[in-house]
Amino acid sequence: MLQKPAVSEILKNNESYYSLVVGVAKRAREIASEAELNGEILVEKPVQIAVEEFARGEYKLVESQDIGDHIE
């Protein structure tokens, strides 16, 4: 069984947990769409693949300087 990466291992420099959740969700949708377009069957869930990609540093969070300053 693979060990899931801890959130603290993925987030750096006070990055937002919320931003990580949104980033992983967006990447997971991309993975699922790419697999569907290519007729691939995924063994792992797209969210797990996305989390692993973020943990390996293949994808990084990009946050604006004023994140969390305003409620929409």
Protein backbone atom coordinates (compact mmCIF):
# COMPACT_ATOMS: atom_id res chain seq x y z
CA MET A 1 0.00 0.00 0.00
CA LEU A 2 1.33 3.42 -0.95
CA GLN A 3 1.76 5.95 1.80
CA LYS A 4 -0.15 9.14 1.15
CA PRO A 5 1.96 12.30 1.30
CA ALA A 6 1.20 14.58 4.24
CA VAL A 7 -0.22 18.01 3.45
CA SER A 8 2.71 19.55 5.35
CA GLU A 9 5.07 17.86 2.86
CA ILE A 10 3.28 19.46 -0.08
CA LEU A 11 2.56 22.97 1.22
CA LYS A 12 5.55 25.32 1.39
CA ASN A 13 6.01 28.89 2.62
CA ASN A 14 2.60 29.22 4.28
CA GLU A 15 0.68 28.25 1.16
CA SER A 16 -3.05 27.90 1.62
CA TYR A 17 -4.63 24.49 2.23
CA TYR A 18 -7.63 25.76 0.27
CA SER A 19 -5.39 26.54 -2.71
CA LEU A 20 -3.99 23.02 -2.58
CA VAL A 21 -7.50 21.52 -2.59
CA VAL A 22 -8.51 23.66 -5.57
CA GLY A 23 -5.26 22.92 -7.42
CA VAL A 24 -5.55 19.18 -6.87
CA ALA A 25 -9.20 19.22 -7.97
CA LYS A 26 -8.35 21.10 -11.18
CA ARG A 27 -5.46 18.77 -11.98
CA ALA A 28 -7.62 15.70 -11.23
CA ARG A 29 -10.23 16.93 -13.71
CA GLU A 30 -7.47 17.38 -16.32
CA ILE A 31 -6.19 13.84 -15.68
CA ALA A 32 -9.69 12.38 -16.00
CA SER A 33 -10.40 14.33 -19.20
CA GLU A 34 -7.08 13.33 -20.77
CA ALA A 35 -7.70 9.67 -19.92
CA GLU A 36 -11.20 9.81 -21.41
CA LEU A 37 -9.97 11.48 -24.61
CA ASN A 38 -7.23 8.88 -25.01
CA GLY A 39 -9.52 5.96 -24.14
CA GLU A 40 -7.35 5.07 -21.14
CA ILE A 41 -8.60 3.28 -18.05
CA LEU A 42 -7.09 4.72 -14.87
CA VAL A 43 -6.06 2.27 -12.18
CA GLU A 44 -5.59 5.01 -9.59
CA LYS A 45 -8.16 7.69 -8.90
CA PRO A 46 -7.43 11.03 -10.60
CA VAL A 47 -7.30 12.83 -7.24
CA GLN A 48 -4.64 10.45 -5.93
CA ILE A 49 -2.57 10.92 -9.09
CA ALA A 50 -2.86 14.71 -8.75
CA VAL A 51 -1.83 14.66 -5.07
CA GLU A 52 1.21 12.55 -5.94
CA GLU A 53 2.16 14.96 -8.74
CA PHE A 54 2.00 17.91 -6.35
CA ALA A 55 4.00 15.99 -3.74
CA ARG A 56 6.74 15.21 -6.31
CA GLY A 57 6.86 18.89 -7.29
CA GLU A 58 5.60 18.32 -10.83
CA TYR A 59 2.93 20.95 -10.20
CA LYS A 60 3.18 23.98 -7.95
CA LEU A 61 0.64 26.32 -6.41
CA VAL A 62 0.58 29.88 -7.66
CA GLU A 63 -1.22 32.18 -5.23
CA SER A 64 -1.86 35.89 -5.50
CA GLN A 65 -0.30 38.09 -2.82
CA ASP A 66 -3.70 39.14 -1.46
CA ILE A 67 -5.17 35.64 -1.13
CA GLY A 68 -7.66 35.52 1.72
CA ASP A 69 -7.89 39.31 2.05
CA HIS A 70 -11.33 39.53 0.45
CA ILE A 71 -14.43 37.42 0.76
CA GLU A 72 -16.40 37.04 -2.43
